Protein backbone atom coordinates (compact mmCIF):
# COMPACT_ATOMS: atom_id res chain seq x y z
CA MET A 1 16.78 -0.90 -3.98
CA LYS A 2 18.07 2.46 -5.18
CA VAL A 3 15.36 5.11 -5.51
CA TYR A 4 15.77 8.00 -7.96
CA GLN A 5 13.51 11.03 -7.90
CA ASN A 6 14.34 12.41 -11.32
CA LEU A 7 15.47 11.08 -14.65
CA GLU A 8 18.79 12.89 -14.71
CA GLU A 9 19.97 10.84 -11.73
CA VAL A 10 19.44 7.60 -13.62
CA ARG A 11 20.05 8.61 -17.26
CA HIS A 12 22.17 5.93 -18.98
CA LYS A 13 23.14 4.52 -15.57
CA TYR A 14 21.99 0.97 -16.21
CA HIS A 15 22.31 -1.43 -19.13
CA ASN A 16 19.83 -4.05 -20.28
CA VAL A 17 17.04 -2.33 -18.39
CA VAL A 18 13.95 -4.45 -17.85
CA MET A 19 11.25 -2.22 -16.43
CA ALA A 20 7.72 -2.20 -15.09
CA LEU A 21 5.46 0.82 -15.52
CA GLY A 22 2.59 1.59 -13.15
CA ASN A 23 1.38 3.20 -9.97
CA PHE A 24 1.31 -0.12 -8.08
CA ASP A 25 -0.94 1.16 -5.29
CA GLY A 26 -1.21 -1.69 -2.82
CA VAL A 27 1.27 -3.94 -4.64
CA HIS A 28 -1.63 -6.41 -4.85
CA LEU A 29 -1.63 -9.84 -6.48
CA GLY A 30 -1.88 -8.37 -9.99
CA HIS A 31 1.06 -6.06 -9.36
CA GLN A 32 3.00 -8.89 -7.77
CA GLN A 33 2.56 -11.02 -10.88
CA LEU A 34 3.65 -8.20 -13.19
CA ILE A 35 6.70 -7.25 -11.13
CA GLY A 36 7.60 -10.90 -10.60
CA GLN A 37 7.54 -11.53 -14.36
CA MET A 38 9.69 -8.45 -14.92
CA VAL A 39 12.27 -9.51 -12.33
CA ALA A 40 12.37 -13.01 -13.83
CA LYS A 41 13.01 -11.63 -17.32
CA ALA A 42 15.79 -9.40 -15.98
CA GLY A 43 17.42 -12.44 -14.40
CA GLU A 44 17.05 -14.37 -17.63
CA ILE A 45 18.91 -11.79 -19.74
CA GLY A 46 21.26 -10.46 -17.09
CA GLY A 47 19.44 -7.14 -17.00
CA THR A 48 18.53 -4.58 -14.34
CA PRO A 49 14.97 -4.88 -12.96
CA LEU A 50 13.60 -1.33 -12.62
CA VAL A 51 10.22 0.13 -11.67
CA PHE A 52 9.09 3.47 -13.08
CA THR A 53 6.29 5.17 -11.20
CA PHE A 54 4.98 8.62 -10.29
CA TYR A 55 4.65 10.58 -7.09
CA PRO A 56 2.26 12.04 -6.27
CA HIS A 57 -0.57 10.06 -7.84
CA PRO A 58 -1.46 11.73 -11.18
CA MET A 59 -5.02 12.32 -9.95
CA ALA A 60 -3.65 14.41 -7.08
CA VAL A 61 -2.40 16.88 -9.69
CA LEU A 62 -5.08 16.67 -12.36
CA ARG A 63 -8.20 16.17 -10.21
CA PRO A 64 -7.28 16.48 -6.54
CA GLU A 65 -10.92 16.24 -5.44
CA SER A 66 -11.07 12.73 -6.93
CA VAL A 67 -7.74 11.29 -5.81
CA PRO A 68 -8.32 7.88 -4.17
CA PRO A 69 -6.83 7.11 -0.75
CA MET A 70 -3.72 4.97 -0.90
CA LEU A 71 -3.55 1.34 0.15
CA LEU A 72 0.07 1.73 1.24
CA SER A 73 2.33 4.57 2.28
CA GLN A 74 5.05 5.40 -0.22
CA GLU A 75 7.65 3.91 2.13
CA ALA A 76 5.72 0.66 2.53
CA LYS A 77 5.20 0.39 -1.23
CA GLN A 78 8.91 0.82 -1.85
CA ASP A 79 9.79 -1.77 0.80
CA MET A 80 7.47 -4.35 -0.75
CA ILE A 81 8.73 -3.73 -4.28
CA ALA A 82 12.35 -3.94 -3.13
CA ALA A 83 11.62 -7.26 -1.40
CA MET A 84 10.55 -8.68 -4.77
CA GLY A 85 14.06 -8.26 -6.18
CA VAL A 86 13.73 -4.88 -7.91
CA GLU A 87 17.10 -3.11 -8.01
CA ALA A 88 16.05 0.42 -8.92
CA MET A 89 12.97 2.64 -8.82
CA VAL A 90 12.42 5.89 -10.66
CA ARG A 91 9.83 7.85 -8.69
CA ALA A 92 9.25 10.67 -11.14
CA SER A 93 7.53 13.86 -10.03
CA PHE A 94 4.17 14.13 -11.77
CA THR A 95 3.35 17.67 -12.88
CA ARG A 96 0.90 19.32 -15.26
CA GLU A 97 3.75 19.80 -17.71
CA PHE A 98 4.47 16.07 -17.57
CA SER A 99 0.79 15.28 -18.11
CA ALA A 100 0.89 17.18 -21.43
CA MET A 101 3.51 14.82 -22.87
CA LEU A 102 2.18 12.83 -25.83
CA PRO A 103 2.52 9.02 -25.71
CA GLU A 104 5.17 8.98 -28.44
CA GLU A 105 7.21 11.60 -26.59
CA PHE A 106 6.97 9.65 -23.33
CA VAL A 107 8.35 6.58 -25.06
CA SER A 108 11.15 8.33 -26.94
CA ARG A 109 12.29 10.66 -24.14
CA ILE A 110 11.92 8.42 -21.12
CA LEU A 111 11.87 4.77 -22.09
CA CYS A 112 14.37 5.06 -24.92
CA ASP A 113 16.62 8.08 -24.38
CA ALA A 114 16.86 8.25 -20.59
CA LEU A 115 16.40 4.60 -19.55
CA GLN A 116 17.34 2.72 -22.73
CA ALA A 117 14.78 0.04 -21.93
CA ARG A 118 15.18 -3.39 -23.46
CA TRP A 119 11.96 -4.85 -22.04
CA VAL A 120 8.88 -3.01 -20.73
CA PHE A 121 6.20 -4.71 -18.63
CA VAL A 122 2.74 -3.16 -18.18
CA GLY A 123 -0.69 -4.25 -17.01
CA TYR A 124 -3.54 -4.86 -19.42
CA ASN A 125 -5.20 -1.55 -18.47
CA TYR A 126 -2.11 0.65 -18.32
CA SER A 127 -2.40 4.12 -19.88
CA PHE A 128 0.21 6.79 -20.46
CA GLY A 129 0.76 10.14 -22.12
CA TYR A 130 -1.59 13.08 -22.59
CA LYS A 131 -5.11 12.29 -21.30
CA GLY A 132 -4.14 8.63 -21.02
CA GLN A 133 -4.12 8.27 -24.80
CA GLY A 134 -1.37 5.66 -24.71
CA THR A 135 -2.56 2.06 -24.47
CA PRO A 136 -0.68 -1.25 -24.09
CA SER A 137 -1.23 -2.01 -27.78
CA LEU A 138 0.17 1.39 -28.78
CA LEU A 139 3.15 0.74 -26.51
CA GLN A 140 3.77 -2.52 -28.37
CA GLU A 141 3.71 -0.66 -31.69
CA LEU A 142 6.13 1.96 -30.41
CA GLY A 143 8.32 -0.78 -28.97
CA GLN A 144 8.66 -2.36 -32.39
CA LYS A 145 9.53 1.04 -33.84
CA HIS A 146 12.15 1.89 -31.20
CA GLY A 147 13.60 -1.57 -30.65
CA PHE A 148 12.34 -2.73 -27.24
CA ASN A 149 10.03 -5.59 -26.24
CA VAL A 150 6.70 -5.12 -24.48
CA HIS A 151 5.02 -7.66 -22.23
CA ILE A 152 1.36 -7.07 -21.29
CA THR A 153 0.30 -8.82 -18.07
CA PRO A 154 -3.36 -9.85 -18.23
CA SER A 155 -5.89 -9.32 -15.47
CA VAL A 156 -5.42 -11.51 -12.41
CA SER A 157 -8.57 -12.96 -10.84
CA VAL A 158 -9.36 -14.55 -7.49
CA ASP A 159 -12.57 -16.60 -7.29
CA GLU A 160 -13.47 -15.31 -10.76
CA GLU A 161 -13.23 -11.66 -9.66
CA ALA A 162 -10.60 -9.36 -11.12
CA VAL A 163 -8.04 -8.01 -8.65
CA SER A 164 -8.01 -4.21 -8.53
CA SER A 165 -7.00 -1.47 -6.11
CA THR A 166 -10.53 -0.03 -6.33
CA LEU A 167 -12.09 -3.32 -5.23
CA ILE A 168 -9.61 -3.69 -2.37
CA ARG A 169 -10.34 -0.17 -1.12
CA GLN A 170 -14.03 -1.03 -1.07
CA HIS A 171 -13.44 -4.16 1.00
CA ILE A 172 -11.25 -2.31 3.51
CA ARG A 173 -13.75 0.56 3.83
CA ASN A 174 -16.49 -1.99 4.48
CA GLY A 175 -14.42 -3.85 7.06
CA ASN A 176 -14.16 -6.97 4.89
CA ILE A 177 -10.63 -7.75 6.04
CA ALA A 178 -10.63 -11.37 4.84
CA GLU A 179 -11.74 -10.31 1.34
CA ALA A 180 -9.12 -7.55 1.17
CA ARG A 181 -6.43 -10.05 2.21
CA LYS A 182 -7.53 -12.40 -0.55
CA PHE A 183 -6.89 -9.82 -3.27
CA LEU A 184 -3.86 -8.16 -1.72
CA GLY A 185 -2.02 -11.37 -0.98
CA TYR A 186 -1.19 -10.04 2.50
CA CYS A 187 -2.96 -8.45 5.47
CA PRO A 188 -4.12 -4.84 5.04
CA ARG A 189 -1.53 -2.74 6.83
CA PHE A 190 -1.20 0.64 8.43
CA GLU A 191 1.88 2.23 9.91
CA GLY A 192 2.40 5.32 11.94
CA ASN A 193 4.23 6.98 14.78
CA VAL A 194 3.07 6.31 18.33
CA VAL A 195 1.87 9.58 19.80
CA LEU A 196 0.85 10.63 23.30
CA GLY A 197 -2.77 9.75 24.00
CA GLU A 198 -5.05 10.10 27.00
CA ARG A 199 -3.23 7.29 28.87
CA ARG A 200 -6.62 5.89 29.88
CA GLY A 201 -5.72 2.40 28.71
CA ARG A 202 -3.04 2.13 31.37
CA THR A 203 -5.56 2.84 34.12
CA LEU A 204 -7.81 0.10 32.73
CA GLY A 205 -4.97 -2.41 32.64
CA PHE A 206 -4.64 -2.40 28.85
CA PRO A 207 -2.04 0.17 27.74
CA THR A 208 -2.44 1.20 24.11
CA ALA A 209 -0.25 2.70 21.44
CA ASN A 210 -2.04 5.65 19.84
CA LEU A 211 -1.21 6.16 16.19
CA ALA A 212 -1.28 9.38 14.23
CA ILE A 213 -3.66 8.70 11.33
CA ASP A 214 -2.45 9.52 7.83
CA ASP A 215 -5.68 10.51 6.08
CA ARG A 216 -4.15 9.63 2.71
CA ILE A 217 -4.28 5.93 3.61
CA VAL A 218 -7.53 3.96 3.51
CA ILE A 219 -8.36 2.34 6.85
CA PRO A 220 -11.13 -0.01 8.00
CA PRO A 221 -14.32 1.44 9.53
CA LYS A 222 -14.85 2.02 13.24
CA GLY A 223 -14.56 -1.15 15.24
CA VAL A 224 -12.26 -3.58 16.99
CA TYR A 225 -9.83 -5.78 15.06
CA SER A 226 -7.34 -8.51 15.75
CA VAL A 227 -3.95 -7.40 14.43
CA LYS A 228 -0.32 -8.32 14.19
CA VAL A 229 2.11 -5.56 15.11
CA GLN A 230 5.72 -5.15 14.08
CA VAL A 231 7.94 -3.17 16.44
CA ASP A 232 11.48 -2.86 15.13
CA ASN A 233 12.16 -6.48 14.15
CA ASP A 234 9.80 -8.08 16.66
CA ASN A 235 6.22 -9.23 16.04
CA PHE A 236 3.32 -9.22 18.50
CA LEU A 237 -0.36 -10.08 18.48
CA GLY A 238 -2.65 -7.22 19.30
CA VAL A 239 -6.14 -5.74 19.42
CA ALA A 240 -6.77 -2.48 17.59
CA ASN A 241 -9.63 -0.07 18.07
CA ILE A 242 -10.56 2.42 15.37
CA GLY A 243 -13.02 5.02 16.53
CA THR A 244 -13.92 7.88 18.82
CA LYS A 245 -13.97 6.16 22.26
CA PRO A 246 -17.75 6.63 22.72
CA THR A 247 -17.73 5.32 26.29
CA PHE A 248 -15.72 8.38 27.32
CA HIS A 249 -16.50 10.93 24.58
CA GLY A 250 -19.32 12.10 22.37
CA VAL A 251 -19.66 10.94 18.80
CA ASP A 252 -17.92 14.08 17.57
CA ASN A 253 -14.61 13.13 19.18
CA LYS A 254 -11.72 12.85 16.73
CA GLN A 255 -11.23 9.36 15.29
CA ASN A 256 -8.00 7.59 16.09
CA ILE A 257 -6.32 4.19 16.05
CA GLU A 258 -5.13 2.67 19.30
CA VAL A 259 -3.48 -0.72 19.59
CA HIS A 260 -3.01 -2.93 22.63
CA LEU A 261 -0.02 -5.22 22.09
CA LEU A 262 -0.31 -8.61 23.76
CA ASP A 263 2.69 -9.79 25.79
CA PHE A 264 4.60 -6.56 25.16
CA PHE A 265 6.38 -4.65 27.89
CA GLY A 266 8.12 -1.41 27.06
CA ASP A 267 7.78 2.16 25.88
CA LEU A 268 6.56 2.79 22.34
CA TYR A 269 6.28 6.58 22.34
CA GLY A 270 7.87 8.07 19.27
CA LYS A 271 8.41 4.71 17.60
CA LYS A 272 7.04 3.86 14.17
CA ILE A 273 5.08 0.62 14.24
CA LYS A 274 3.40 -1.44 11.55
CA VAL A 275 -0.11 -2.77 12.14
CA PHE A 276 -1.46 -5.65 10.05
CA PHE A 277 -5.23 -6.14 10.27
CA THR A 278 -6.11 -9.84 10.35
CA ARG A 279 -9.79 -10.08 11.40
CA HIS A 280 -12.75 -7.92 12.35
CA ILE A 281 -13.84 -8.68 15.91
CA ARG A 282 -16.79 -6.36 16.54
CA SER A 283 -18.23 -2.92 15.89
CA GLU A 284 -17.45 0.03 18.12
CA LYS A 285 -20.03 0.60 20.85
CA ARG A 286 -20.67 2.72 23.92
CA PHE A 287 -20.60 0.80 27.19
CA ALA A 288 -22.73 1.65 30.21
CA SER A 289 -19.78 1.42 32.60
CA VAL A 290 -16.00 1.13 32.67
CA ASN A 291 -16.28 -2.36 34.17
CA GLU A 292 -18.43 -3.46 31.25
CA LEU A 293 -15.82 -2.08 28.84
CA VAL A 294 -13.00 -3.92 30.66
CA ASP A 295 -14.92 -7.21 30.50
CA GLN A 296 -15.44 -6.73 26.77
CA ILE A 297 -11.75 -5.95 26.17
CA LYS A 298 -10.85 -9.21 27.92
CA GLN A 299 -13.18 -11.05 25.56
CA ASP A 300 -11.68 -9.22 22.56
CA ILE A 301 -8.19 -10.33 23.62
CA LEU A 302 -9.26 -13.96 24.00
CA LEU A 303 -10.79 -13.87 20.55
CA ALA A 304 -7.68 -12.25 19.03
CA ARG A 305 -5.51 -14.99 20.52
CA ALA A 306 -7.85 -17.69 19.19
CA GLN A 307 -7.95 -16.14 15.72
CA SER A 308 -4.17 -16.04 15.54
CA SER A 309 -4.09 -19.83 15.36
CA ASP A 310 -6.71 -20.07 12.59
């Protein structure tokens, strides 16, 4: 997938553009349906499937104190969207000047003049233009005026509950991994570079990869989780701990993520790894002794192996 960071790079570059508009945080089941429909339509008419989105999140510019944490890093989002068959992404820079653009101007300048869209796909709750004044129904009206088609993807529900990024964030924050998976369509994931830690895990017999936490990404609460870990192109089972290591530190110690990879032998320092949370095992706790902690880690590993076959 080719990624463009401004409109001039992509102006009039593609023909028969079939595009999806949205932020697509999490690329959850609702987003997957919308993008899938868009890609299918592009294939049907021999068009170019294109996603138009913003970076940073508009709230980060307009109300930075209220910007929600992301479900995926920008890189992970792009990888997932590319895997769905999207050929191009316009990742436009969102600024205050851009936010002042009226809905009609957004359509004429961007969708029509720059991208020459033939089909536009949006979600049922999509908004655009100054103060979010543009609605899907207005987009349909403007599409008729300017000569492009608009498809509005309705809400997607799982067990009679609407899929939304807000709901998924809540489940992850509460440690409800199974519920988050149900609405995402995949395991909640976190990726980061392996950094030098205290090396205590090695002395206990369970070496861990310590990850630098990106505070822009929502992560589960403190506790121990069974995970799957991707290193380069290889996959491993693992046990992840999110917390402050209370057995060795006070409660004010900095929170981190450390992952013990099962059946892995090698050096991970400096590598970027992907961690997929599959189940919650237990809450974080302070142990009375190192031996008690080691016994518990052994139990955590047995449980992680058992859960992997569920």
